[in-house]
Amino acid sequence: MKLLLDTHIWIWSFLEPGKLVPRAARALQDPNNEKWLSPISIWELVILVAKRRVVLNTSVEEWISQALKAAPIREAPLTAEVALATSKISLPHRDPADAFLAATALTFGLTLVTSDVRLLSVKGLTAVANR
């Protein structure tokens, strides 16, 4: 399975693995599953750190570098096709990051790992619910 980690799942997998339910943790640990990350999640982490909603023990740049080296992860491309697909995503809120994550998963046939019930409600989206 090709898993697209949403921002919180990616962060929790390193900082708070206890927040992952067993099904999501197993999916992330399964060596047969590919893990993908959108650059949107990196952007979101930068914002969360700047707002002090996430506290790291090092600079955000260093933390991201270490996280990307620690676990094999593929970068999901942010393409024109993904940007255009955001217009077809129906979300009950206007969070552009969520729209990009859903569009990325749909465009590349990835399974989104998320706790966000709003993302879990996106029509046609395959997901592993961290609930």
Protein backbone atom coordinates (compact mmCIF):
# COMPACT_ATOMS: atom_id res chain seq x y z
CA MET A 1 0.00 0.00 0.00
CA LYS A 2 1.18 3.53 -0.75
CA LEU A 3 0.49 5.73 2.27
CA LEU A 4 0.35 9.51 2.23
CA LEU A 5 0.94 10.71 5.78
CA ASP A 6 -0.97 13.77 6.79
CA THR A 7 0.98 16.37 8.72
CA HIS A 8 -0.03 15.30 12.21
CA ILE A 9 0.47 11.60 11.52
CA TRP A 10 3.99 12.34 10.26
CA ILE A 11 4.82 14.49 13.30
CA TRP A 12 3.24 12.08 15.79
CA SER A 13 5.11 9.12 14.30
CA PHE A 14 8.29 10.75 15.63
CA LEU A 15 7.24 12.91 18.58
CA GLU A 16 4.11 11.23 19.99
CA PRO A 17 3.75 7.69 18.63
CA GLY A 18 1.26 6.95 21.41
CA LYS A 19 -1.27 9.09 19.51
CA LEU A 20 -1.33 6.52 16.70
CA VAL A 21 -4.03 3.87 16.96
CA PRO A 22 -2.81 0.28 16.47
CA ARG A 23 -4.13 0.02 12.89
CA ALA A 24 -2.35 3.20 11.78
CA ALA A 25 0.85 2.28 13.65
CA ARG A 26 0.89 -1.16 11.97
CA ALA A 27 0.38 0.42 8.55
CA LEU A 28 3.31 2.78 9.14
CA GLN A 29 5.56 0.01 10.44
CA ASP A 30 4.76 -2.47 7.67
CA PRO A 31 7.87 -2.62 5.46
CA ASN A 32 5.70 -3.54 2.47
CA ASN A 33 3.98 -0.16 2.61
CA GLU A 34 5.53 2.86 0.91
CA LYS A 35 5.34 6.06 2.93
CA TRP A 36 4.81 9.33 1.10
CA LEU A 37 4.94 12.92 2.37
CA SER A 38 3.71 16.07 0.68
CA PRO A 39 5.82 19.23 0.79
CA ILE A 40 2.62 20.78 2.14
CA SER A 41 3.20 18.85 5.38
CA ILE A 42 6.68 20.31 5.69
CA TRP A 43 5.23 23.78 5.12
CA GLU A 44 2.56 23.11 7.77
CA LEU A 45 5.20 21.99 10.28
CA VAL A 46 7.18 25.18 9.69
CA ILE A 47 4.02 27.17 10.46
CA LEU A 48 3.15 25.07 13.54
CA VAL A 49 6.65 25.58 14.95
CA ALA A 50 6.54 29.33 14.26
CA LYS A 51 3.19 29.53 16.11
CA ARG A 52 4.67 27.38 18.92
CA ARG A 53 1.93 24.79 18.48
CA VAL A 54 4.69 22.21 17.97
CA VAL A 55 7.88 22.41 20.02
CA LEU A 56 11.01 20.71 18.71
CA ASN A 57 14.32 20.08 20.47
CA THR A 58 16.23 21.53 17.51
CA SER A 59 15.64 23.93 14.63
CA VAL A 60 12.78 23.03 12.31
CA GLU A 61 15.23 22.64 9.42
CA GLU A 62 17.40 20.21 11.39
CA TRP A 63 14.39 18.26 12.69
CA ILE A 64 12.98 17.84 9.19
CA SER A 65 16.38 16.76 7.86
CA GLN A 66 16.72 14.17 10.63
CA ALA A 67 13.15 12.92 10.20
CA LEU A 68 13.57 12.48 6.45
CA LYS A 69 16.81 10.54 7.00
CA ALA A 70 15.40 8.39 9.82
CA ALA A 71 12.59 6.77 7.87
CA PRO A 72 12.38 5.98 4.17
CA ILE A 73 9.78 8.31 2.72
CA ARG A 74 8.97 9.42 -0.79
CA GLU A 75 8.18 13.00 -1.62
CA ALA A 76 4.77 13.38 -3.22
CA PRO A 77 5.13 15.85 -6.07
CA LEU A 78 3.24 19.10 -5.91
CA THR A 79 2.17 19.34 -9.53
CA ALA A 80 -0.21 21.39 -11.66
CA GLU A 81 -2.46 18.33 -11.77
CA VAL A 82 -2.62 18.27 -7.95
CA ALA A 83 -3.30 22.02 -7.81
CA LEU A 84 -6.14 21.66 -10.31
CA ALA A 85 -7.56 18.66 -8.43
CA THR A 86 -8.03 20.83 -5.33
CA SER A 87 -10.98 22.46 -7.10
CA LYS A 88 -12.76 19.10 -7.12
CA ILE A 89 -12.31 18.48 -3.40
CA SER A 90 -15.36 19.21 -1.27
CA LEU A 91 -14.35 20.03 2.30
CA PRO A 92 -16.49 21.65 4.99
CA HIS A 93 -13.70 24.19 5.63
CA ARG A 94 -11.26 26.24 3.57
CA ASP A 95 -7.96 24.77 4.77
CA PRO A 96 -5.73 24.80 1.67
CA ALA A 97 -3.34 22.27 3.21
CA ASP A 98 -6.13 19.71 3.61
CA ALA A 99 -7.28 20.34 0.04
CA PHE A 100 -3.74 19.74 -1.24
CA LEU A 101 -3.32 16.56 0.82
CA ALA A 102 -6.62 15.13 -0.40
CA ALA A 103 -5.86 16.13 -4.00
CA THR A 104 -2.40 14.57 -3.77
CA ALA A 105 -3.82 11.28 -2.49
CA LEU A 106 -6.50 11.19 -5.19
CA THR A 107 -4.15 12.22 -8.02
CA PHE A 108 -1.47 9.63 -7.24
CA GLY A 109 -3.70 6.83 -5.91
CA LEU A 110 -2.32 7.07 -2.39
CA THR A 111 -4.04 6.01 0.83
CA LEU A 112 -4.18 8.94 3.24
CA VAL A 113 -3.35 8.22 6.86
CA THR A 114 -5.17 10.82 8.94
CA SER A 115 -7.11 11.57 12.10
CA ASP A 116 -9.01 14.41 10.47
CA VAL A 117 -12.69 13.48 10.15
CA ARG A 118 -13.12 16.20 7.53
CA LEU A 119 -10.50 14.56 5.32
CA LEU A 120 -11.96 11.13 5.99
CA SER A 121 -15.24 12.38 4.51
CA VAL A 122 -13.74 13.29 1.11
CA LYS A 123 -15.56 11.36 -1.61
CA GLY A 124 -13.39 8.78 -3.36
CA LEU A 125 -10.50 9.11 -0.92
CA THR A 126 -8.98 5.87 0.40
CA ALA A 127 -7.79 6.29 3.96
CA VAL A 128 -6.43 4.65 7.08
CA ALA A 129 -8.26 6.37 9.90
CA ASN A 130 -6.25 7.11 13.00
CA ARG A 131 -9.41 6.92 15.12
